[in-house]
């Protein structure tokens, strides 16, 4: 078994390795948020191009800003930026490749100046982001940038070194402007509807707090392409590390496992050039919205549809939930009756076929995605993925029962105790107020949805409240599975 590093690549016989000379690579992209998804997706697409002899000046310099990112820095530094990507097919076949497109990693808390200066280098033409749905610092209901965020206030204080993505990236934009260098593109790869527009709003708002003239410059010159990204990428486990070592002979401190399916629809809107992404299978299109709404409202919202009900019913792995015909029928019902009517036609996609494909993907037992992962950070996810479906159908008179049932299952989950009386570890930035509200709802059924920061005015809508109360009462009196049986009993 060989440690993964440049010097050992030629000795690895059981795994595909970069076909290009990594010493010839030059960074053209700085990426914030180097997690599993980025390494299974954007970095993989660039590696594809490099293996074809393209995009050699578009390698990635990763940046971490959170305390948890220090470990990623340590692993990637020890491995010369290399890692193993393992694609797990439903039939158990494993396809492994060493990805070489990340050439540098900077940990911002140690040296923010180095991060700023890296982005100020004219060789950097794209700054990309996978910073999670909550990383854009806008209010879930109002959409306003939250200027009172303590870290934002820290960065706005004269003399302080920036520690947020906003502070670091905006400082680099300002430095490039002063030096007469062209601005880079800011490319969001997060699961947010209109992620490019969301990034634009946040960065312009932050720049305005610093300097109105700088905000105007950002708004006028920096491009923020929208994108839709898709690949199920569970958290890496020790079992994954052991498997990579035993089956492929690679000692990798942080491999990535993922499903075979991958998709990236990307708006062709860049300030300063881009790699030929289309040559690697990216759908470079003039309008991403149909693709992103399809993914957010069908895939992401369906993940929420299975996770809370699934946990309450005793499931801990996603494929176990999806392989249960009761849950599959519920998800198909939600997608067909409630989500799809809110979508416009998607060029080149049969939505009915896409729905069946989603259930097949969720059912992939080899991926071993966890229900707990899908249950995390719900206050950032539900308002962006599911509530727009409910709101749209309330406007048009469409069905809302199944999507409202998902909200009720979340409320029941956030009581923090399952149907067997075992504790639930609720992971959410709003954990305390949500749990407190959920634990009041047996006496006050509307306590949870009365949180206007999350739900806005939905608590004032009679049709929504009626459906919500009905499902929540059933969850309390009958439990998750019996509630689902009632919900799907009328579906054909």
Protein backbone atom coordinates (compact mmCIF):
# COMPACT_ATOMS: atom_id res chain seq x y z
CA UNK A 1 0.00 0.00 0.00
CA UNK A 2 1.44 3.35 -1.08
CA UNK A 3 0.79 6.81 0.41
CA UNK A 4 -0.92 9.05 -2.13
CA UNK A 5 1.52 11.69 -3.38
CA UNK A 6 3.11 12.79 -6.65
CA UNK A 7 6.20 10.64 -6.24
CA UNK A 8 4.11 7.45 -6.02
CA UNK A 9 1.72 7.98 -8.92
CA UNK A 10 3.71 5.89 -11.39
CA UNK A 11 3.73 2.98 -8.93
CA UNK A 12 -0.06 2.81 -8.48
CA UNK A 13 -1.33 -0.12 -10.57
CA UNK A 14 -4.93 -0.67 -9.40
CA UNK A 15 -6.26 2.85 -9.87
CA UNK A 16 -6.28 5.33 -12.76
CA UNK A 17 -3.93 8.28 -12.26
CA UNK A 18 -3.58 11.67 -13.98
CA UNK A 19 -2.38 11.29 -17.57
CA UNK A 20 -0.98 14.82 -17.54
CA UNK A 21 2.17 16.35 -16.10
CA UNK A 22 1.03 17.99 -12.87
CA UNK A 23 4.17 20.11 -12.76
CA UNK A 24 2.85 21.89 -15.87
CA UNK A 25 -0.41 22.93 -14.16
CA UNK A 26 -1.07 26.56 -13.22
CA UNK A 27 -3.87 27.73 -10.96
CA UNK A 28 -6.61 29.68 -12.69
CA UNK A 29 -9.38 29.06 -10.14
CA UNK A 30 -9.54 29.74 -6.40
CA UNK A 31 -12.23 27.63 -4.75
CA UNK A 32 -13.78 28.25 -1.32
CA UNK A 33 -15.21 25.17 0.40
CA UNK A 34 -13.18 22.16 -0.69
CA UNK A 35 -15.43 19.38 0.57
CA UNK A 36 -16.55 16.06 -0.82
CA UNK A 37 -18.99 17.52 -3.32
CA UNK A 38 -16.50 19.92 -4.89
CA UNK A 39 -13.98 17.11 -5.26
CA UNK A 40 -16.57 14.75 -6.79
CA UNK A 41 -17.85 17.42 -9.15
CA UNK A 42 -16.06 20.61 -10.26
CA UNK A 43 -12.54 19.30 -9.57
CA UNK A 44 -13.45 16.05 -11.37
CA UNK A 45 -14.66 17.91 -14.48
CA UNK A 46 -11.40 19.87 -14.62
CA UNK A 47 -9.42 16.65 -14.21
CA UNK A 48 -11.32 15.24 -17.22
CA UNK A 49 -10.24 18.24 -19.30
CA UNK A 50 -6.64 17.95 -18.14
CA UNK A 51 -6.53 14.29 -19.08
CA UNK A 52 -7.43 15.43 -22.60
CA UNK A 53 -4.59 17.95 -22.57
CA UNK A 54 -6.89 20.93 -21.96
CA UNK A 55 -7.33 23.56 -19.21
CA UNK A 56 -3.82 23.10 -17.83
CA UNK A 57 -3.84 26.74 -16.73
CA UNK A 58 -7.18 26.31 -14.92
CA UNK A 59 -6.04 24.22 -11.95
CA UNK A 60 -7.55 24.85 -8.53
CA UNK A 61 -6.19 26.55 -5.44
CA UNK A 62 -8.48 25.53 -2.59
CA UNK A 63 -9.26 27.83 0.32
CA UNK A 64 -10.65 26.96 3.73
CA UNK A 65 -12.15 29.54 6.08
CA UNK A 66 -13.79 27.39 8.75
CA UNK A 67 -12.00 25.67 11.67
CA UNK A 68 -13.02 22.27 10.28
CA UNK A 69 -11.16 23.09 7.04
CA UNK A 70 -7.78 22.81 8.75
CA UNK A 71 -7.92 19.03 8.49
CA UNK A 72 -8.54 19.24 4.75
CA UNK A 73 -5.48 21.46 4.46
CA UNK A 74 -3.38 18.92 6.36
CA UNK A 75 -4.54 15.98 4.22
CA UNK A 76 -4.20 17.72 0.86
CA UNK A 77 -0.80 19.20 1.77
CA UNK A 78 0.45 15.72 2.72
CA UNK A 79 -0.90 14.30 -0.57
CA UNK A 80 0.25 17.09 -2.92
CA UNK A 81 -3.42 17.97 -3.48
CA UNK A 82 -4.23 14.47 -4.75
CA UNK A 83 -7.20 12.33 -3.68
CA UNK A 84 -9.01 9.22 -4.83
CA UNK A 85 -12.51 9.53 -6.31
CA UNK A 86 -14.46 6.26 -6.05
CA UNK A 87 -17.63 5.94 -8.12
CA UNK A 88 -19.98 3.31 -6.68
CA UNK A 89 -22.36 1.66 -9.14
CA UNK A 90 -25.58 -0.01 -7.93
CA UNK A 91 -24.25 -3.43 -8.98
CA UNK A 92 -21.31 -3.07 -6.57
CA UNK A 93 -18.72 -2.19 -9.22
CA UNK A 94 -16.18 0.40 -8.05
CA UNK A 95 -14.37 2.73 -10.41
CA UNK A 96 -11.48 4.65 -8.82
CA UNK A 97 -9.40 7.50 -10.18
CA UNK A 98 -6.81 9.76 -8.61
CA UNK A 99 -7.81 13.38 -9.25
CA UNK A 100 -4.98 15.86 -9.76
CA UNK A 101 -6.66 19.21 -10.54
CA UNK A 102 -6.11 20.74 -7.07
CA UNK A 103 -2.55 22.08 -6.90
CA UNK A 104 -2.59 24.23 -3.76
CA UNK A 105 -4.57 24.72 -0.56
CA UNK A 106 -4.59 27.84 1.64
CA UNK A 107 -6.09 28.02 5.11
CA UNK A 108 -7.35 31.58 5.50
CA UNK A 109 -7.29 31.85 9.33
CA UNK A 110 -3.52 31.25 9.25
CA UNK A 111 -2.73 33.82 6.57
CA UNK A 112 -5.63 35.83 5.13
CA UNK A 113 -3.19 38.07 3.28
CA UNK A 114 -1.88 35.08 1.29
CA UNK A 115 -5.45 34.22 0.24
CA UNK A 116 -6.19 37.79 -0.85
CA UNK A 117 -2.93 38.08 -2.76
CA UNK A 118 -3.56 34.75 -4.47
CA UNK A 119 -6.91 35.99 -5.80
CA UNK A 120 -5.31 39.31 -6.79
CA UNK A 121 -2.93 37.43 -9.10
CA UNK A 122 -4.12 38.05 -12.70
CA UNK A 123 -3.67 34.32 -13.40
CA UNK A 124 -6.77 33.70 -11.25
CA UNK A 125 -9.80 34.27 -13.45
CA UNK A 126 -12.53 32.43 -11.51
CA UNK A 127 -13.32 32.32 -7.78
CA UNK A 128 -15.80 29.52 -7.13
CA UNK A 129 -17.85 28.61 -4.09
CA UNK A 130 -19.38 25.62 -2.35
CA UNK A 131 -20.04 27.23 1.01
CA UNK A 132 -23.47 25.61 1.72
CA UNK A 133 -26.88 27.22 1.47
CA UNK A 134 -26.27 29.25 4.64
CA UNK A 135 -22.94 30.61 3.48
CA UNK A 136 -24.43 33.51 1.54
CA UNK A 137 -25.59 35.24 4.72
CA UNK A 138 -29.03 36.27 3.54
CA UNK A 139 -32.23 36.03 5.54
CA UNK A 140 -34.27 32.94 4.66
CA UNK A 141 -37.52 34.89 4.28
CA UNK A 142 -36.60 38.47 3.35
CA UNK A 143 -33.56 37.60 1.24
CA UNK A 144 -31.71 40.56 2.76
CA UNK A 145 -28.00 40.39 3.50
CA UNK A 146 -27.55 40.13 7.28
CA UNK A 147 -25.19 43.01 8.02
CA UNK A 148 -25.38 42.35 11.76
CA UNK A 149 -23.56 39.03 11.40
CA UNK A 150 -20.67 39.30 13.93
CA UNK A 151 -18.10 38.01 11.44
CA UNK A 152 -19.28 40.50 8.82
CA UNK A 153 -19.03 43.29 11.38
CA UNK A 154 -15.52 42.13 12.24
CA UNK A 155 -14.48 42.31 8.59
CA UNK A 156 -15.98 45.78 8.17
CA UNK A 157 -14.00 47.17 11.11
CA UNK A 158 -11.00 49.17 9.94
CA UNK A 159 -7.69 47.44 10.55
CA UNK A 160 -9.10 43.93 10.91
CA UNK A 161 -7.91 41.13 8.67
CA UNK A 162 -10.95 39.62 6.92
CA UNK A 163 -12.11 36.16 7.91
CA UNK A 164 -15.31 35.70 5.87
CA UNK A 165 -15.51 34.73 2.22
CA UNK A 166 -17.09 38.14 1.60
CA UNK A 167 -14.24 40.02 3.26
CA UNK A 168 -11.50 37.99 1.58
CA UNK A 169 -12.95 38.00 -1.94
CA UNK A 170 -14.02 41.65 -1.86
CA UNK A 171 -10.54 42.69 -0.69
CA UNK A 172 -9.07 40.85 -3.68
CA UNK A 173 -11.51 42.52 -6.09
CA UNK A 174 -10.54 45.90 -4.67
CA UNK A 175 -6.84 45.11 -4.99
CA UNK A 176 -7.22 44.04 -8.62
CA UNK A 177 -9.15 47.21 -9.39
CA UNK A 178 -6.37 49.33 -7.86
CA UNK A 179 -3.78 47.48 -9.96
CA UNK A 180 -5.75 47.80 -13.17
CA UNK A 181 -6.34 44.05 -13.44
CA UNK A 182 -9.55 42.62 -14.90
CA UNK A 183 -12.02 41.24 -12.33
CA UNK A 184 -12.48 37.51 -11.88
CA UNK A 185 -15.80 35.69 -12.20
CA UNK A 186 -17.51 34.56 -8.98
CA UNK A 187 -19.04 31.16 -9.70
CA UNK A 188 -21.41 29.65 -7.13
CA UNK A 189 -21.85 25.86 -7.13
CA UNK A 190 -24.28 25.69 -4.20
CA UNK A 191 -27.82 24.31 -4.08
CA UNK A 192 -29.66 27.62 -4.17
CA UNK A 193 -32.17 28.73 -6.77
CA UNK A 194 -30.43 31.41 -8.79
CA UNK A 195 -27.16 30.74 -6.98
CA UNK A 196 -25.24 33.20 -9.13
CA UNK A 197 -27.79 35.91 -8.50
CA UNK A 198 -27.76 35.05 -4.78
CA UNK A 199 -23.98 35.43 -4.75
CA UNK A 200 -24.22 38.71 -6.62
CA UNK A 201 -26.71 40.12 -4.11
CA UNK A 202 -24.59 39.08 -1.16
CA UNK A 203 -21.26 40.37 -2.50
CA UNK A 204 -22.71 43.66 -3.73
CA UNK A 205 -24.43 44.15 -0.37
CA UNK A 206 -21.21 43.46 1.51
CA UNK A 207 -19.21 45.77 -0.79
CA UNK A 208 -21.80 48.51 -0.27
CA UNK A 209 -21.23 48.33 3.47
CA UNK A 210 -17.53 48.92 2.81
CA UNK A 211 -17.69 51.46 0.01
CA UNK A 212 -20.63 52.37 -2.28
CA UNK A 213 -18.24 53.01 -5.18
CA UNK A 214 -16.76 49.53 -4.76
CA UNK A 215 -20.27 48.07 -4.73
CA UNK A 216 -21.01 49.78 -8.05
CA UNK A 217 -17.79 48.39 -9.50
CA UNK A 218 -18.68 44.84 -8.40
CA UNK A 219 -22.23 45.14 -9.76
CA UNK A 220 -21.03 46.49 -13.11
CA UNK A 221 -17.94 44.39 -13.84
CA UNK A 222 -18.04 41.06 -11.97
CA UNK A 223 -19.99 38.20 -13.55
CA UNK A 224 -21.92 35.73 -11.38
CA UNK A 225 -23.08 32.82 -13.56
CA UNK A 226 -25.96 30.70 -12.31
CA UNK A 227 -25.44 26.96 -12.20
CA UNK A 228 -27.16 23.69 -11.33
CA UNK A 229 -24.95 21.03 -9.81
CA UNK A 230 -25.86 17.43 -9.05
CA UNK A 231 -24.04 14.40 -7.71
CA UNK A 232 -24.91 12.49 -4.54
CA UNK A 233 -21.75 12.54 -2.45
CA UNK A 234 -22.01 11.10 1.07
CA UNK A 235 -19.59 11.87 3.88
CA UNK A 236 -16.38 9.83 3.67
CA UNK A 237 -16.13 7.11 6.33
CA UNK A 238 -13.27 5.06 7.77
CA UNK A 239 -14.76 2.10 5.90
CA UNK A 240 -14.28 4.04 2.65
CA UNK A 241 -10.64 4.72 3.53
CA UNK A 242 -10.08 1.05 4.32
CA UNK A 243 -11.71 -0.02 1.07
CA UNK A 244 -9.50 2.32 -0.99
CA UNK A 245 -6.45 0.93 0.78
CA UNK A 246 -7.35 -2.75 0.42
CA UNK A 247 -8.87 -2.77 -3.06
CA UNK A 248 -6.74 -0.15 -4.80
CA UNK A 249 -3.53 -0.15 -2.76
CA UNK A 250 -3.76 3.56 -1.96
CA UNK A 251 -3.27 5.13 1.44
CA UNK A 252 -5.56 8.16 1.14
CA UNK A 253 -6.41 10.27 4.16
CA UNK A 254 -9.59 11.65 2.60
CA UNK A 255 -10.94 9.87 -0.48
CA UNK A 256 -14.32 10.79 -1.93
CA UNK A 257 -17.11 8.35 -2.80
CA UNK A 258 -20.05 9.20 -5.02
CA UNK A 259 -22.75 7.84 -7.33
CA UNK A 260 -22.18 7.39 -11.09
CA UNK A 261 -24.64 10.15 -12.05
CA UNK A 262 -23.30 13.67 -12.41
CA UNK A 263 -24.74 16.81 -13.97
CA UNK A 264 -23.67 20.44 -14.22
CA UNK A 265 -25.70 23.06 -16.09
CA UNK A 266 -23.76 26.32 -16.21
CA UNK A 267 -24.72 29.76 -17.52
CA UNK A 268 -22.23 31.02 -20.07
CA UNK A 269 -21.50 34.34 -18.34
CA UNK A 270 -17.87 34.95 -17.39
CA UNK A 271 -15.84 38.11 -16.81
CA UNK A 272 -12.40 36.89 -17.79
CA UNK A 273 -12.52 33.62 -19.72
CA UNK A 274 -13.31 30.05 -18.64
CA UNK A 275 -12.19 26.47 -19.27
CA UNK A 276 -13.90 24.58 -22.13
CA UNK A 277 -16.27 22.96 -19.63
CA UNK A 278 -18.56 21.68 -22.39
CA UNK A 279 -15.77 19.37 -23.55
CA UNK A 280 -15.98 17.56 -20.19
CA UNK A 281 -19.76 17.04 -20.34
CA UNK A 282 -20.95 20.26 -18.69
CA UNK A 283 -24.16 21.70 -20.14
CA UNK A 284 -23.13 25.29 -20.88
CA UNK A 285 -26.44 27.04 -21.51
CA UNK A 286 -27.89 30.57 -21.81
CA UNK A 287 -30.49 29.95 -19.07
CA UNK A 288 -29.97 27.61 -16.13
CA UNK A 289 -33.27 28.25 -14.34
CA UNK A 290 -35.27 25.31 -15.79
CA UNK A 291 -32.51 22.89 -14.79
CA UNK A 292 -31.99 24.29 -11.31
CA UNK A 293 -35.70 24.37 -10.47
CA UNK A 294 -36.01 20.78 -11.67
CA UNK A 295 -33.17 19.68 -9.42
CA UNK A 296 -34.09 21.73 -6.35
CA UNK A 297 -37.79 20.87 -6.37
CA UNK A 298 -37.51 17.24 -7.46
CA UNK A 299 -34.20 15.90 -6.14
CA UNK A 300 -33.39 18.15 -3.18
CA UNK A 301 -36.94 18.53 -1.93
CA UNK A 302 -37.49 14.78 -2.30
CA UNK A 303 -34.45 14.20 -0.13
CA UNK A 304 -36.25 16.22 2.54
CA UNK A 305 -39.38 14.21 1.82
CA UNK A 306 -37.69 10.93 2.67
CA UNK A 307 -35.31 11.91 5.48
CA UNK A 308 -37.56 12.97 8.40
CA UNK A 309 -40.25 10.35 7.75
CA UNK A 310 -37.45 7.85 7.19
CA UNK A 311 -35.67 8.61 10.45
CA UNK A 312 -38.90 8.50 12.44
CA UNK A 313 -39.71 5.13 10.83
CA UNK A 314 -36.35 3.75 11.97
CA UNK A 315 -34.28 3.97 8.79
CA UNK A 316 -30.69 5.29 8.93
CA UNK A 317 -29.51 4.82 5.33
CA UNK A 318 -31.08 6.57 2.34
CA UNK A 319 -31.22 3.50 0.10
CA UNK A 320 -33.23 1.65 2.75
CA UNK A 321 -35.87 4.38 2.66
CA UNK A 322 -35.99 4.59 -1.14
CA UNK A 323 -36.28 0.82 -1.50
CA UNK A 324 -39.38 0.81 0.73
CA UNK A 325 -42.30 0.90 -1.74
CA UNK A 326 -44.39 3.01 0.63
CA UNK A 327 -41.78 5.78 0.64
CA UNK A 328 -41.18 5.48 -3.11
CA UNK A 329 -44.91 5.92 -3.75
CA UNK A 330 -44.97 8.99 -1.48
CA UNK A 331 -42.01 10.55 -3.29
CA UNK A 332 -43.46 9.84 -6.74
CA UNK A 333 -46.73 11.39 -5.58
CA UNK A 334 -44.99 14.52 -4.36
CA UNK A 335 -42.92 14.87 -7.54
CA UNK A 336 -45.74 14.18 -10.00
CA UNK A 337 -48.64 15.98 -8.31
CA UNK A 338 -47.01 18.91 -6.54
CA UNK A 339 -43.46 19.65 -7.72
CA UNK A 340 -43.68 19.05 -11.48
CA UNK A 341 -46.69 21.38 -12.00
CA UNK A 342 -44.52 24.25 -10.69
CA UNK A 343 -41.87 23.64 -13.37
CA UNK A 344 -41.50 24.86 -16.93
CA UNK A 345 -40.34 22.39 -19.61
CA UNK A 346 -36.64 21.54 -19.25
CA UNK A 347 -34.76 21.39 -22.57
CA UNK A 348 -33.61 17.84 -23.31
CA UNK A 349 -35.15 16.31 -20.16
CA UNK A 350 -38.16 13.99 -19.82
CA UNK A 351 -39.37 14.90 -16.32
CA UNK A 352 -41.25 11.63 -15.84
CA UNK A 353 -38.11 9.66 -16.68
CA UNK A 354 -36.07 11.97 -14.43
CA UNK A 355 -38.36 11.17 -11.47
CA UNK A 356 -37.85 7.41 -11.92
CA UNK A 357 -34.13 7.99 -12.27
CA UNK A 358 -34.11 9.83 -8.93
CA UNK A 359 -35.68 6.90 -7.09
CA UNK A 360 -33.11 4.59 -8.70
CA UNK A 361 -30.31 6.91 -7.57
CA UNK A 362 -31.65 7.16 -4.02
CA UNK A 363 -31.88 3.34 -3.96
CA UNK A 364 -28.19 2.79 -4.73
CA UNK A 365 -27.11 0.70 -1.73
CA UNK A 366 -23.42 1.03 -2.59
CA UNK A 367 -23.35 4.77 -1.93
CA UNK A 368 -24.58 4.29 1.67
CA UNK A 369 -25.72 7.88 2.00
CA UNK A 370 -27.06 8.60 5.49
CA UNK A 371 -30.48 9.86 6.46
CA UNK A 372 -28.82 12.02 9.13
CA UNK A 373 -26.89 13.95 6.45
CA UNK A 374 -30.12 14.85 4.70
CA UNK A 375 -31.78 15.89 7.97
CA UNK A 376 -29.04 18.43 8.78
CA UNK A 377 -29.35 22.22 8.34
CA UNK A 378 -33.03 22.01 7.43
CA UNK A 379 -33.72 25.68 8.16
CA UNK A 380 -31.39 26.56 5.27
CA UNK A 381 -32.76 23.86 2.96
CA UNK A 382 -36.55 23.65 3.40
CA UNK A 383 -37.18 27.38 2.71
CA UNK A 384 -35.21 27.22 -0.55
CA UNK A 385 -36.18 23.79 -1.87
CA UNK A 386 -39.67 22.91 -0.61
CA UNK A 387 -41.53 26.03 0.52
CA UNK A 388 -41.43 27.56 -3.00
CA UNK A 389 -43.41 24.51 -4.21
CA UNK A 390 -46.02 25.05 -1.50
CA UNK A 391 -46.26 28.79 -2.17
CA UNK A 392 -46.62 28.30 -5.91
CA UNK A 393 -49.38 25.73 -5.50
CA UNK A 394 -51.19 27.91 -2.98
CA UNK A 395 -51.17 30.67 -5.61
CA UNK A 396 -52.45 28.42 -8.40
CA UNK A 397 -54.81 26.20 -6.42
CA UNK A 398 -52.58 23.16 -6.86
CA UNK A 399 -52.16 20.26 -4.43
CA UNK A 400 -50.11 20.91 -1.28
CA UNK A 401 -50.87 17.94 1.00
CA UNK A 402 -47.72 15.89 0.40
CA UNK A 403 -45.29 18.82 0.47
CA UNK A 404 -47.00 20.13 3.62
CA UNK A 405 -46.60 16.65 5.10
CA UNK A 406 -42.84 17.00 4.66
CA UNK A 407 -42.92 20.21 6.71
CA UNK A 408 -44.91 18.42 9.41
CA UNK A 409 -42.42 15.53 9.45
CA UNK A 410 -39.61 18.04 9.95
CA UNK A 411 -41.52 19.60 12.85
CA UNK A 412 -42.03 16.17 14.43
CA UNK A 413 -38.34 15.28 13.91
CA UNK A 414 -37.24 18.53 15.58
CA UNK A 415 -38.97 17.52 18.80
CA UNK A 416 -35.67 15.74 19.31
CA UNK A 417 -37.12 12.36 20.34
CA UNK A 418 -38.04 9.54 17.95
CA UNK A 419 -41.00 7.15 18.09
CA UNK A 420 -39.06 4.76 20.33
CA UNK A 421 -38.22 7.51 22.81
CA UNK A 422 -34.60 7.73 21.65
CA UNK A 423 -32.95 11.17 21.34
CA UNK A 424 -32.52 12.77 17.92
CA UNK A 425 -29.42 14.89 17.36
CA UNK A 426 -30.86 17.89 15.53
CA UNK A 427 -28.13 19.60 13.50
CA UNK A 428 -29.21 23.09 12.48
CA UNK A 429 -28.00 26.65 12.89
CA UNK A 430 -31.43 27.41 14.43
CA UNK A 431 -31.37 24.27 16.56
CA UNK A 432 -32.37 25.86 19.88
CA UNK A 433 -35.43 27.91 18.78
CA UNK A 434 -36.65 25.14 16.47
CA UNK A 435 -36.47 22.44 19.14
CA UNK A 436 -38.10 24.73 21.69
CA UNK A 437 -40.98 25.44 19.29
CA UNK A 438 -41.35 21.80 18.25
CA UNK A 439 -41.64 20.69 21.85
CA UNK A 440 -44.59 23.04 22.37
CA UNK A 441 -46.60 21.77 19.43
CA UNK A 442 -48.54 18.98 21.14
CA UNK A 443 -50.29 21.76 23.04
CA UNK A 444 -49.86 24.45 20.39
CA UNK A 445 -49.84 22.75 16.95
CA UNK A 446 -48.76 25.94 15.13
CA UNK A 447 -45.77 26.71 17.37
CA UNK A 448 -43.18 25.41 14.88
CA UNK A 449 -44.52 27.10 11.73
CA UNK A 450 -45.06 30.35 13.64
CA UNK A 451 -41.33 31.02 13.14
CA UNK A 452 -41.57 33.72 10.47
CA UNK A 453 -37.81 33.79 9.96
CA UNK A 454 -38.18 30.34 8.40
CA UNK A 455 -41.79 30.14 7.17
CA UNK A 456 -42.73 33.74 6.49
CA UNK A 457 -46.51 34.19 6.37
CA UNK A 458 -47.46 30.55 5.72
CA UNK A 459 -48.90 30.33 9.22
CA UNK A 460 -51.53 32.83 8.07
CA UNK A 461 -52.70 30.64 5.18
CA UNK A 462 -55.77 28.62 6.11
CA UNK A 463 -55.30 25.87 3.52
CA UNK A 464 -51.70 25.25 4.50
CA UNK A 465 -52.45 25.33 8.23
CA UNK A 466 -55.32 22.89 7.88
CA UNK A 467 -53.20 20.34 5.99
CA UNK A 468 -50.27 20.82 8.35
CA UNK A 469 -52.32 20.31 11.51
CA UNK A 470 -53.89 17.17 10.11
CA UNK A 471 -50.57 15.52 9.25
CA UNK A 472 -48.87 16.61 12.48
CA UNK A 473 -51.72 15.15 14.54
CA UNK A 474 -51.42 11.88 12.63
CA UNK A 475 -47.67 11.76 13.24
CA UNK A 476 -48.29 12.19 16.96
CA UNK A 477 -51.09 9.63 17.21
CA UNK A 478 -50.29 7.06 14.49
CA UNK A 479 -46.59 7.45 13.75
CA UNK A 480 -44.64 7.99 10.54
CA UNK A 481 -45.44 4.81 8.59
CA UNK A 482 -49.16 4.81 9.31
CA UNK A 483 -49.30 8.50 8.38
CA UNK A 484 -47.58 7.79 5.05
CA UNK A 485 -50.00 4.93 4.36
CA UNK A 486 -52.91 7.32 4.79
CA UNK A 487 -51.24 9.95 2.61
CA UNK A 488 -50.59 7.60 -0.32
CA UNK A 489 -53.82 5.63 -0.06
CA UNK A 490 -55.51 7.90 -2.58
CA UNK A 491 -52.61 8.01 -5.03
CA UNK A 492 -52.73 5.96 -8.22
